Amino acid sequence: MSGYPVEPMYSTSSKDGTFIAYDKVGEGPPLILVEGALNDLSTTLPLAAQLKNDFTVYAYDRRGRGASGNTDPYSVERELEDLDGVIAAAGGSALVFGNCSGGVLALQAVAAGLDIAGLAMFEPPYIVPGTRYRPPDYGERLAALLASGRKEDAVEFFMRFDAVLPDEQISMVRGSPMWPALADLAPSLDNDAAVLGDSVMPPADWIASIKVPTLVVDGGNSNSWARESVRVLAESLPGGRRVTLEGHDHVLAPEALAPVMKEFFAALPAPAGE
């Protein structure tokens, strides 16, 4: 979730002309960080700081967030073109990390043929049937809340039915200093809903078509449904590997995640980026 204001130093243009802002730190093979729901690039900067000695790390604002633009109508294909634009800015090929729904977007990018040399994901929120309930009309109900200007209610709806947070935790977040920033990012939840679709784990033949080496990470204290999703996905991917961060949950922990990513990516051929 959004951390602190950031003024990105770099930008590129997507295929439809949308302004995409990004920051860049470090030295080494290019690695692009794709943020999750209710995140802007400030969320990924602590992870970038942990990785900058080994990689040139690109953290970008997905369209409709932070300093990036937002061109209507939205489509997942346009989001993939945004990522492709950042990959081009990185030299044409890159390693990619996706947090939560950003991992789903990154996996779709691999399937779409973007030049991604290796992929790491943290708890992409797929649903293994029978592990948790998500309203079948989730997207429609979320869109209705946003269309009526009820941004705070939309964030709460997302937290209850997509992030699956208990009522007491939702109340705690509503009373925290971060709440106004989360409400500002609420319109982007529509985009994440489009990326996720019904959130059900993709068909086995689709997963089997993903040939890029892929690291799938979960927290040992995360919800059981999230951990089962990571297990199934990692075991189904031809080049999949699962790592569990014991003692951690769905909150991204850069100091724990970065060493695992470094080890995984170090074993892969370097991408032909900058």
C-alpha atoms as a PDB file:
ATOM      1  CA  MET A   1       0.000   0.000   0.000  1.00  0.00           C
ATOM      2  CA  SER A   2       1.121   3.535  -0.694  1.00  0.00           C
ATOM      3  CA  GLY A   3       4.012   4.606   1.479  1.00  0.00           C
ATOM      4  CA  TYR A   4       5.275   8.142   0.882  1.00  0.00           C
ATOM      5  CA  PRO A   5       5.249  10.780  -1.892  1.00  0.00           C
ATOM      6  CA  VAL A   6       7.732  10.206  -4.688  1.00  0.00           C
ATOM      7  CA  GLU A   7       8.724  12.418  -7.607  1.00  0.00           C
ATOM      8  CA  PRO A   8       9.831   9.976 -10.330  1.00  0.00           C
ATOM      9  CA  MET A   9      12.896  11.073 -12.277  1.00  0.00           C
ATOM     10  CA  TYR A  10      12.155   9.275 -15.555  1.00  0.00           C
ATOM     11  CA  SER A  11       9.261   8.648 -17.924  1.00  0.00           C
ATOM     12  CA  THR A  12       8.301   6.790 -21.061  1.00  0.00           C
ATOM     13  CA  SER A  13       5.218   6.721 -23.272  1.00  0.00           C
ATOM     14  CA  SER A  14       3.008   3.694 -23.728  1.00  0.00           C
ATOM     15  CA  LYS A  15       1.775   2.638 -27.162  1.00  0.00           C
ATOM     16  CA  ASP A  16      -1.430   4.676 -26.729  1.00  0.00           C
ATOM     17  CA  GLY A  17       0.550   7.751 -25.667  1.00  0.00           C
ATOM     18  CA  THR A  18      -0.046   7.398 -21.922  1.00  0.00           C
ATOM     19  CA  PHE A  19       2.694   8.978 -19.785  1.00  0.00           C
ATOM     20  CA  ILE A  20       4.328   6.312 -17.602  1.00  0.00           C
ATOM     21  CA  ALA A  21       6.568   7.564 -14.776  1.00  0.00           C
ATOM     22  CA  TYR A  22       9.336   5.489 -13.287  1.00  0.00           C
ATOM     23  CA  ASP A  23      12.382   5.714 -11.064  1.00  0.00           C
ATOM     24  CA  LYS A  24      15.664   3.892 -11.572  1.00  0.00           C
ATOM     25  CA  VAL A  25      18.365   2.970  -9.056  1.00  0.00           C
ATOM     26  CA  GLY A  26      21.391   0.708  -8.933  1.00  0.00           C
ATOM     27  CA  GLU A  27      23.693  -1.005 -11.378  1.00  0.00           C
ATOM     28  CA  GLY A  28      23.517  -4.380 -13.056  1.00  0.00           C
ATOM     29  CA  PRO A  29      20.984  -6.388 -15.090  1.00  0.00           C
ATOM     30  CA  PRO A  30      17.634  -4.576 -15.485  1.00  0.00           C
ATOM     31  CA  LEU A  31      14.914  -5.618 -13.044  1.00  0.00           C
ATOM     32  CA  ILE A  32      11.425  -4.104 -13.203  1.00  0.00           C
ATOM     33  CA  LEU A  33       9.141  -4.001 -10.152  1.00  0.00           C
ATOM     34  CA  VAL A  34       5.387  -4.181 -10.793  1.00  0.00           C
ATOM     35  CA  GLU A  35       3.273  -2.918  -7.899  1.00  0.00           C
ATOM     36  CA  GLY A  36       0.094  -4.511  -6.588  1.00  0.00           C
ATOM     37  CA  ALA A  37      -3.355  -3.208  -5.666  1.00  0.00           C
ATOM     38  CA  LEU A  38      -3.543   0.123  -3.820  1.00  0.00           C
ATOM     39  CA  ASN A  39       0.172   0.599  -4.459  1.00  0.00           C
ATOM     40  CA  ASP A  40       2.188   3.218  -6.274  1.00  0.00           C
ATOM     41  CA  LEU A  41       5.892   3.039  -6.990  1.00  0.00           C
ATOM     42  CA  SER A  42       6.744   4.333  -3.502  1.00  0.00           C
ATOM     43  CA  THR A  43       5.689   0.940  -2.186  1.00  0.00           C
ATOM     44  CA  THR A  44       8.370  -0.851  -4.167  1.00  0.00           C
ATOM     45  CA  LEU A  45      11.242   1.559  -3.445  1.00  0.00           C
ATOM     46  CA  PRO A  46      12.282  -0.176  -0.183  1.00  0.00           C
ATOM     47  CA  LEU A  47      12.657  -3.409  -2.177  1.00  0.00           C
ATOM     48  CA  ALA A  48      14.575  -1.511  -4.865  1.00  0.00           C
ATOM     49  CA  ALA A  49      16.956  -0.258  -2.185  1.00  0.00           C
ATOM     50  CA  GLN A  50      17.656  -3.862  -1.147  1.00  0.00           C
ATOM     51  CA  LEU A  51      18.362  -4.887  -4.758  1.00  0.00           C
ATOM     52  CA  LYS A  52      20.253  -1.909  -6.183  1.00  0.00           C
ATOM     53  CA  ASN A  53      23.734  -3.326  -5.563  1.00  0.00           C
ATOM     54  CA  ASP A  54      22.959  -6.258  -7.870  1.00  0.00           C
ATOM     55  CA  PHE A  55      20.515  -4.840 -10.428  1.00  0.00           C
ATOM     56  CA  THR A  56      19.442  -1.689 -12.202  1.00  0.00           C
ATOM     57  CA  VAL A  57      15.991  -1.553 -10.624  1.00  0.00           C
ATOM     58  CA  TYR A  58      13.061   0.131 -12.360  1.00  0.00           C
ATOM     59  CA  ALA A  59      10.039   0.992 -10.204  1.00  0.00           C
ATOM     60  CA  TYR A  60       7.136   2.452 -12.165  1.00  0.00           C
ATOM     61  CA  ASP A  61       3.689   3.844 -11.498  1.00  0.00           C
ATOM     62  CA  ARG A  62       1.088   1.740 -13.263  1.00  0.00           C
ATOM     63  CA  ARG A  63      -1.391   3.805 -15.258  1.00  0.00           C
ATOM     64  CA  GLY A  64      -3.887   5.698 -13.130  1.00  0.00           C
ATOM     65  CA  ARG A  65      -1.517   5.815 -10.151  1.00  0.00           C
ATOM     66  CA  GLY A  66       1.024   8.267  -8.787  1.00  0.00           C
ATOM     67  CA  ALA A  67       2.669  10.362 -11.474  1.00  0.00           C
ATOM     68  CA  SER A  68       1.576   8.219 -14.444  1.00  0.00           C
ATOM     69  CA  GLY A  69      -1.253   9.171 -16.766  1.00  0.00           C
ATOM     70  CA  ASN A  70      -4.519   7.375 -17.373  1.00  0.00           C
ATOM     71  CA  THR A  71      -6.077   7.071 -20.825  1.00  0.00           C
ATOM     72  CA  ASP A  72      -9.647   5.796 -21.219  1.00  0.00           C
ATOM     73  CA  PRO A  73     -10.947   3.288 -21.975  1.00  0.00           C
ATOM     74  CA  TYR A  74      -8.884   0.988 -19.773  1.00  0.00           C
ATOM     75  CA  SER A  75      -7.881  -2.471 -20.957  1.00  0.00           C
ATOM     76  CA  VAL A  76      -5.471  -5.089 -19.687  1.00  0.00           C
ATOM     77  CA  GLU A  77      -3.769  -4.997 -23.084  1.00  0.00           C
ATOM     78  CA  ARG A  78      -2.899  -1.315 -22.492  1.00  0.00           C
ATOM     79  CA  GLU A  79      -1.398  -2.238 -19.094  1.00  0.00           C
ATOM     80  CA  LEU A  80       0.758  -4.837 -20.815  1.00  0.00           C
ATOM     81  CA  GLU A  81       1.872  -2.196 -23.307  1.00  0.00           C
ATOM     82  CA  ASP A  82       2.843   0.042 -20.377  1.00  0.00           C
ATOM     83  CA  LEU A  83       5.094  -2.676 -18.977  1.00  0.00           C
ATOM     84  CA  ASP A  84       6.486  -3.293 -22.441  1.00  0.00           C
ATOM     85  CA  GLY A  85       7.351   0.410 -22.624  1.00  0.00           C
ATOM     86  CA  VAL A  86       9.322   0.196 -19.383  1.00  0.00           C
ATOM     87  CA  ILE A  87      11.077  -2.932 -20.664  1.00  0.00           C
ATOM     88  CA  ALA A  88      12.026  -0.971 -23.802  1.00  0.00           C
ATOM     89  CA  ALA A  89      13.386   1.855 -21.621  1.00  0.00           C
ATOM     90  CA  ALA A  90      15.448  -0.774 -19.764  1.00  0.00           C
ATOM     91  CA  GLY A  91      17.080  -1.906 -23.005  1.00  0.00           C
ATOM     92  CA  GLY A  92      14.514  -4.269 -24.506  1.00  0.00           C
ATOM     93  CA  SER A  93      14.723  -7.233 -22.136  1.00  0.00           C
ATOM     94  CA  ALA A  94      14.466  -7.436 -18.353  1.00  0.00           C
ATOM     95  CA  LEU A  95      13.861  -9.479 -15.252  1.00  0.00           C
ATOM     96  CA  VAL A  96      10.489  -8.719 -13.671  1.00  0.00           C
ATOM     97  CA  PHE A  97       9.050  -8.906 -10.159  1.00  0.00           C
ATOM     98  CA  GLY A  98       5.318  -8.587  -9.496  1.00  0.00           C
ATOM     99  CA  ASN A  99       3.728  -8.038  -6.101  1.00  0.00           C
ATOM    100  CA  CYS A 100       0.248  -9.525  -5.588  1.00  0.00           C
ATOM    101  CA  SER A 101      -1.933  -8.474  -8.571  1.00  0.00           C
ATOM    102  CA  GLY A 102       1.219  -7.080 -10.168  1.00  0.00           C
ATOM    103  CA  GLY A 103       2.429 -10.669 -10.320  1.00  0.00           C
ATOM    104  CA  VAL A 104      -0.700 -11.674 -12.226  1.00  0.00           C
ATOM    105  CA  LEU A 105      -0.104  -8.825 -14.676  1.00  0.00           C
ATOM    106  CA  ALA A 106       3.542  -9.868 -15.080  1.00  0.00           C
ATOM    107  CA  LEU A 107       2.593 -13.504 -15.709  1.00  0.00           C
ATOM    108  CA  GLN A 108       0.136 -12.345 -18.374  1.00  0.00           C
ATOM    109  CA  ALA A 109       2.958 -10.281 -19.877  1.00  0.00           C
ATOM    110  CA  VAL A 110       5.094 -13.418 -20.214  1.00  0.00           C
ATOM    111  CA  ALA A 111       2.184 -15.227 -21.870  1.00  0.00           C
ATOM    112  CA  ALA A 112       1.731 -12.261 -24.242  1.00  0.00           C
ATOM    113  CA  GLY A 113       5.333 -12.590 -25.400  1.00  0.00           C
ATOM    114  CA  LEU A 114       6.993  -9.614 -23.700  1.00  0.00           C
ATOM    115  CA  ASP A 115      10.762 -10.002 -23.465  1.00  0.00           C
ATOM    116  CA  ILE A 116      11.017 -11.117 -19.834  1.00  0.00           C
ATOM    117  CA  ALA A 117      14.089 -13.183 -19.008  1.00  0.00           C
ATOM    118  CA  GLY A 118      12.976 -14.264 -15.548  1.00  0.00           C
ATOM    119  CA  LEU A 119       9.996 -13.648 -13.309  1.00  0.00           C
ATOM    120  CA  ALA A 120       9.461 -13.492  -9.548  1.00  0.00           C
ATOM    121  CA  MET A 121       6.068 -13.089  -7.889  1.00  0.00           C
ATOM    122  CA  PHE A 122       4.911 -12.560  -4.340  1.00  0.00           C
ATOM    123  CA  GLU A 123       1.537 -14.146  -3.547  1.00  0.00           C
ATOM    124  CA  PRO A 124      -0.363 -13.576  -6.806  1.00  0.00           C
ATOM    125  CA  PRO A 125      -3.997 -13.717  -5.573  1.00  0.00           C
ATOM    126  CA  TYR A 126      -5.298 -16.609  -7.644  1.00  0.00           C
ATOM    127  CA  ILE A 127      -8.019 -18.721  -6.086  1.00  0.00           C
ATOM    128  CA  VAL A 128      -7.743 -22.483  -5.984  1.00  0.00           C
ATOM    129  CA  PRO A 129     -11.392 -23.620  -6.123  1.00  0.00           C
ATOM    130  CA  GLY A 130     -12.798 -24.343  -2.680  1.00  0.00           C
ATOM    131  CA  THR A 131     -10.213 -22.336  -0.737  1.00  0.00           C
ATOM    132  CA  ARG A 132     -12.025 -18.996  -0.393  1.00  0.00           C
ATOM    133  CA  TYR A 133     -15.142 -17.086  -1.400  1.00  0.00           C
ATOM    134  CA  ARG A 134     -15.129 -14.097  -3.739  1.00  0.00           C
ATOM    135  CA  PRO A 135     -18.489 -12.654  -4.849  1.00  0.00           C
ATOM    136  CA  PRO A 136     -19.135 -13.592  -8.487  1.00  0.00           C
ATOM    137  CA  ASP A 137     -20.240 -10.001  -9.117  1.00  0.00           C
ATOM    138  CA  TYR A 138     -17.182  -8.527  -7.365  1.00  0.00           C
ATOM    139  CA  GLY A 139     -16.137  -6.422 -10.359  1.00  0.00           C
ATOM    140  CA  GLU A 140     -19.605  -4.997 -10.948  1.00  0.00           C
ATOM    141  CA  ARG A 141     -20.107  -4.086  -7.286  1.00  0.00           C
ATOM    142  CA  LEU A 142     -16.684  -2.464  -7.085  1.00  0.00           C
ATOM    143  CA  ALA A 143     -17.324  -0.472 -10.275  1.00  0.00           C
ATOM    144  CA  ALA A 144     -20.674   0.725  -8.918  1.00  0.00           C
ATOM    145  CA  LEU A 145     -19.050   2.016  -5.712  1.00  0.00           C
ATOM    146  CA  LEU A 146     -16.416   3.882  -7.681  1.00  0.00           C
ATOM    147  CA  ALA A 147     -18.931   5.279 -10.182  1.00  0.00           C
ATOM    148  CA  SER A 148     -20.920   6.782  -7.297  1.00  0.00           C
ATOM    149  CA  GLY A 149     -17.803   8.392  -5.818  1.00  0.00           C
ATOM    150  CA  ARG A 150     -17.675   6.093  -2.774  1.00  0.00           C
ATOM    151  CA  LYS A 151     -13.916   5.614  -2.849  1.00  0.00           C
ATOM    152  CA  GLU A 152     -13.520   4.732   0.831  1.00  0.00           C
ATOM    153  CA  ASP A 153     -16.290   2.140   0.597  1.00  0.00           C
ATOM    154  CA  ALA A 154     -14.584   0.712  -2.499  1.00  0.00           C
ATOM    155  CA  VAL A 155     -11.326   0.289  -0.580  1.00  0.00           C
ATOM    156  CA  GLU A 156     -13.162  -1.431   2.272  1.00  0.00           C
ATOM    157  CA  PHE A 157     -15.003  -3.676  -0.197  1.00  0.00           C
ATOM    158  CA  PHE A 158     -11.676  -4.677  -1.760  1.00  0.00           C
ATOM    159  CA  MET A 159     -10.122  -5.367   1.635  1.00  0.00           C
ATOM    160  CA  ARG A 160     -13.016  -7.544   2.738  1.00  0.00           C
ATOM    161  CA  PHE A 161     -13.638  -9.601  -0.401  1.00  0.00           C
ATOM    162  CA  ASP A 162     -10.340  -9.580  -2.316  1.00  0.00           C
ATOM    163  CA  ALA A 163      -7.591  -9.080   0.271  1.00  0.00           C
ATOM    164  CA  VAL A 164      -9.766 -11.064   2.738  1.00  0.00           C
ATOM    165  CA  LEU A 165      -8.869  -8.971   5.777  1.00  0.00           C
ATOM    166  CA  PRO A 166     -10.826  -9.418   9.034  1.00  0.00           C
ATOM    167  CA  ASP A 167     -13.114  -6.600  10.177  1.00  0.00           C
ATOM    168  CA  GLU A 168     -10.808  -5.559  13.011  1.00  0.00           C
ATOM    169  CA  GLN A 169      -7.874  -5.134  10.629  1.00  0.00           C
ATOM    170  CA  ILE A 170      -9.993  -3.137   8.191  1.00  0.00           C
ATOM    171  CA  SER A 171     -11.060  -0.850  11.023  1.00  0.00           C
ATOM    172  CA  MET A 172      -7.442  -0.408  12.055  1.00  0.00           C
ATOM    173  CA  VAL A 173      -6.418   0.592   8.516  1.00  0.00           C
ATOM    174  CA  ARG A 174      -9.380   2.999   8.235  1.00  0.00           C
ATOM    175  CA  GLY A 175      -8.135   4.763  11.341  1.00  0.00           C
ATOM    176  CA  SER A 176      -4.511   4.922  10.213  1.00  0.00           C
ATOM    177  CA  PRO A 177      -2.666   7.861   8.592  1.00  0.00           C
ATOM    178  CA  MET A 178      -2.394   5.890   5.326  1.00  0.00           C
ATOM    179  CA  TRP A 179      -6.166   5.794   4.771  1.00  0.00           C
ATOM    180  CA  PRO A 180      -6.468   9.026   2.699  1.00  0.00           C
ATOM    181  CA  ALA A 181      -3.710   7.849   0.335  1.00  0.00           C
ATOM    182  CA  LEU A 182      -5.454   4.495  -0.101  1.00  0.00           C
ATOM    183  CA  ALA A 183      -8.731   6.252  -0.903  1.00  0.00           C
ATOM    184  CA  ASP A 184      -6.937   8.352  -3.533  1.00  0.00           C
ATOM    185  CA  LEU A 185      -5.754   5.132  -5.197  1.00  0.00           C
ATOM    186  CA  ALA A 186      -9.224   3.529  -5.086  1.00  0.00           C
ATOM    187  CA  PRO A 187     -10.060   4.158  -8.780  1.00  0.00           C
ATOM    188  CA  SER A 188      -7.123   1.915  -9.748  1.00  0.00           C
ATOM    189  CA  LEU A 189      -8.889  -1.019  -8.089  1.00  0.00           C
ATOM    190  CA  ASP A 190     -11.063  -1.198 -11.208  1.00  0.00           C
ATOM    191  CA  ASN A 191      -7.914  -1.887 -13.231  1.00  0.00           C
ATOM    192  CA  ASP A 192      -6.786  -4.625 -10.859  1.00  0.00           C
ATOM    193  CA  ALA A 193     -10.239  -6.226 -11.048  1.00  0.00           C
ATOM    194  CA  ALA A 194      -9.886  -6.361 -14.827  1.00  0.00           C
ATOM    195  CA  VAL A 195      -6.412  -7.923 -14.560  1.00  0.00           C
ATOM    196  CA  LEU A 196      -7.642 -10.560 -12.103  1.00  0.00           C
ATOM    197  CA  GLY A 197     -10.950 -11.383 -13.802  1.00  0.00           C
ATOM    198  CA  ASP A 198     -12.651 -14.024 -11.663  1.00  0.00           C
ATOM    199  CA  SER A 199      -9.299 -14.642  -9.866  1.00  0.00           C
ATOM    200  CA  VAL A 200      -9.575 -18.394 -10.413  1.00  0.00           C
ATOM    201  CA  MET A 201      -6.289 -20.191 -11.097  1.00  0.00           C
ATOM    202  CA  PRO A 202      -5.682 -20.236 -14.881  1.00  0.00           C
ATOM    203  CA  PRO A 203      -6.178 -23.491 -16.801  1.00  0.00           C
ATOM    204  CA  ALA A 204      -3.355 -26.014 -16.545  1.00  0.00           C
ATOM    205  CA  ASP A 205      -2.533 -25.810 -20.269  1.00  0.00           C
ATOM    206  CA  TRP A 206      -2.184 -22.009 -20.038  1.00  0.00           C
ATOM    207  CA  ILE A 207       0.164 -22.290 -17.049  1.00  0.00           C
ATOM    208  CA  ALA A 208       2.131 -25.016 -18.832  1.00  0.00           C
ATOM    209  CA  SER A 209       2.744 -22.604 -21.725  1.00  0.00           C
ATOM    210  CA  ILE A 210       4.788 -20.297 -19.446  1.00  0.00           C
ATOM    211  CA  LYS A 211       8.386 -21.328 -20.136  1.00  0.00           C
ATOM    212  CA  VAL A 212      10.182 -18.442 -18.387  1.00  0.00           C
ATOM    213  CA  PRO A 213      11.878 -19.463 -15.099  1.00  0.00           C
ATOM    214  CA  THR A 214       9.529 -18.269 -12.365  1.00  0.00           C
ATOM    215  CA  LEU A 215       9.942 -17.840  -8.622  1.00  0.00           C
ATOM    216  CA  VAL A 216       6.706 -17.824  -6.595  1.00  0.00           C
ATOM    217  CA  VAL A 217       7.044 -16.620  -3.000  1.00  0.00           C
ATOM    218  CA  ASP A 218       4.638 -16.736  -0.079  1.00  0.00           C
ATOM    219  CA  GLY A 219       4.747 -15.879   3.607  1.00  0.00           C
ATOM    220  CA  GLY A 220       4.654 -18.644   6.181  1.00  0.00           C
ATOM    221  CA  ASN A 221       2.044 -16.699   8.174  1.00  0.00           C
ATOM    222  CA  SER A 222      -0.122 -15.784   5.188  1.00  0.00           C
ATOM    223  CA  ASN A 223      -3.707 -16.947   4.726  1.00  0.00           C
ATOM    224  CA  SER A 224      -4.003 -20.628   3.874  1.00  0.00           C
ATOM    225  CA  TRP A 225      -5.773 -19.870   0.579  1.00  0.00           C
ATOM    226  CA  ALA A 226      -2.885 -17.649  -0.550  1.00  0.00           C
ATOM    227  CA  ARG A 227      -0.310 -20.287   0.348  1.00  0.00           C
ATOM    228  CA  GLU A 228      -2.256 -22.991  -1.482  1.00  0.00           C
ATOM    229  CA  SER A 229      -2.437 -20.750  -4.548  1.00  0.00           C
ATOM    230  CA  VAL A 230       1.346 -20.281  -4.512  1.00  0.00           C
ATOM    231  CA  ARG A 231       1.905 -24.018  -4.089  1.00  0.00           C
ATOM    232  CA  VAL A 232      -0.334 -24.989  -6.997  1.00  0.00           C
ATOM    233  CA  LEU A 233       1.035 -22.307  -9.305  1.00  0.00           C
ATOM    234  CA  ALA A 234       4.684 -23.076  -8.572  1.00  0.00           C
ATOM    235  CA  GLU A 235       4.144 -26.814  -9.063  1.00  0.00           C
ATOM    236  CA  SER A 236       2.259 -26.241 -12.337  1.00  0.00           C
ATOM    237  CA  LEU A 237       4.765 -23.891 -13.973  1.00  0.00           C
ATOM    238  CA  PRO A 238       7.376 -25.770 -16.052  1.00  0.00           C
ATOM    239  CA  GLY A 239      10.141 -23.545 -14.646  1.00  0.00           C
ATOM    240  CA  GLY A 240       8.448 -22.837 -11.323  1.00  0.00           C
ATOM    241  CA  ARG A 241      10.106 -22.672  -7.925  1.00  0.00           C
ATOM    242  CA  ARG A 242       8.412 -21.954  -4.598  1.00  0.00           C
ATOM    243  CA  VAL A 243      10.033 -20.268  -1.609  1.00  0.00           C
ATOM    244  CA  THR A 244       8.258 -19.561   1.688  1.00  0.00           C
ATOM    245  CA  LEU A 245       9.379 -16.665   3.884  1.00  0.00           C
ATOM    246  CA  GLU A 246       8.857 -18.116   7.346  1.00  0.00           C
ATOM    247  CA  GLY A 247       7.562 -15.666   9.939  1.00  0.00           C
ATOM    248  CA  HIS A 248       6.156 -13.297   7.291  1.00  0.00           C
ATOM    249  CA  ASP A 249       2.687 -12.665   5.895  1.00  0.00           C
ATOM    250  CA  HIS A 250       1.231 -10.821   2.880  1.00  0.00           C
ATOM    251  CA  VAL A 251       2.914  -7.548   3.869  1.00  0.00           C
ATOM    252  CA  LEU A 252       5.950  -7.233   1.611  1.00  0.00           C
ATOM    253  CA  ALA A 253       9.196  -7.637   3.597  1.00  0.00           C
ATOM    254  CA  PRO A 254      12.047  -6.362   1.376  1.00  0.00           C
ATOM    255  CA  GLU A 255      14.842  -7.502   3.673  1.00  0.00           C
ATOM    256  CA  ALA A 256      13.533 -11.093   3.552  1.00  0.00           C
ATOM    257  CA  LEU A 257      12.466 -11.155  -0.092  1.00  0.00           C
ATOM    258  CA  ALA A 258      15.512  -9.526  -1.708  1.00  0.00           C
ATOM    259  CA  PRO A 259      18.055 -12.302  -0.895  1.00  0.00           C
ATOM    260  CA  VAL A 260      15.706 -14.928  -2.337  1.00  0.00           C
ATOM    261  CA  MET A 261      15.255 -12.903  -5.527  1.00  0.00           C
ATOM    262  CA  LYS A 262      19.008 -12.315  -5.855  1.00  0.00           C
ATOM    263  CA  GLU A 263      19.765 -16.028  -5.555  1.00  0.00           C
ATOM    264  CA  PHE A 264      17.073 -16.990  -8.067  1.00  0.00           C
ATOM    265  CA  PHE A 265      17.946 -14.388 -10.685  1.00  0.00           C
ATOM    266  CA  ALA A 266      21.712 -14.944 -10.308  1.00  0.00           C
ATOM    267  CA  ALA A 267      21.281 -18.462 -11.671  1.00  0.00           C
ATOM    268  CA  LEU A 268      19.618 -17.199 -14.877  1.00  0.00           C
ATOM    269  CA  PRO A 269      21.262 -15.829 -18.024  1.00  0.00           C
ATOM    270  CA  ALA A 270      21.403 -12.022 -17.804  1.00  0.00           C
ATOM    271  CA  PRO A 271      18.732 -10.245 -19.884  1.00  0.00           C
ATOM    272  CA  ALA A 272      19.926  -8.313 -22.908  1.00  0.00           C
ATOM    273  CA  GLY A 273      18.863  -4.981 -21.392  1.00  0.00           C
ATOM    274  CA  GLU A 274      20.979  -1.980 -20.571  1.00  0.00           C
END
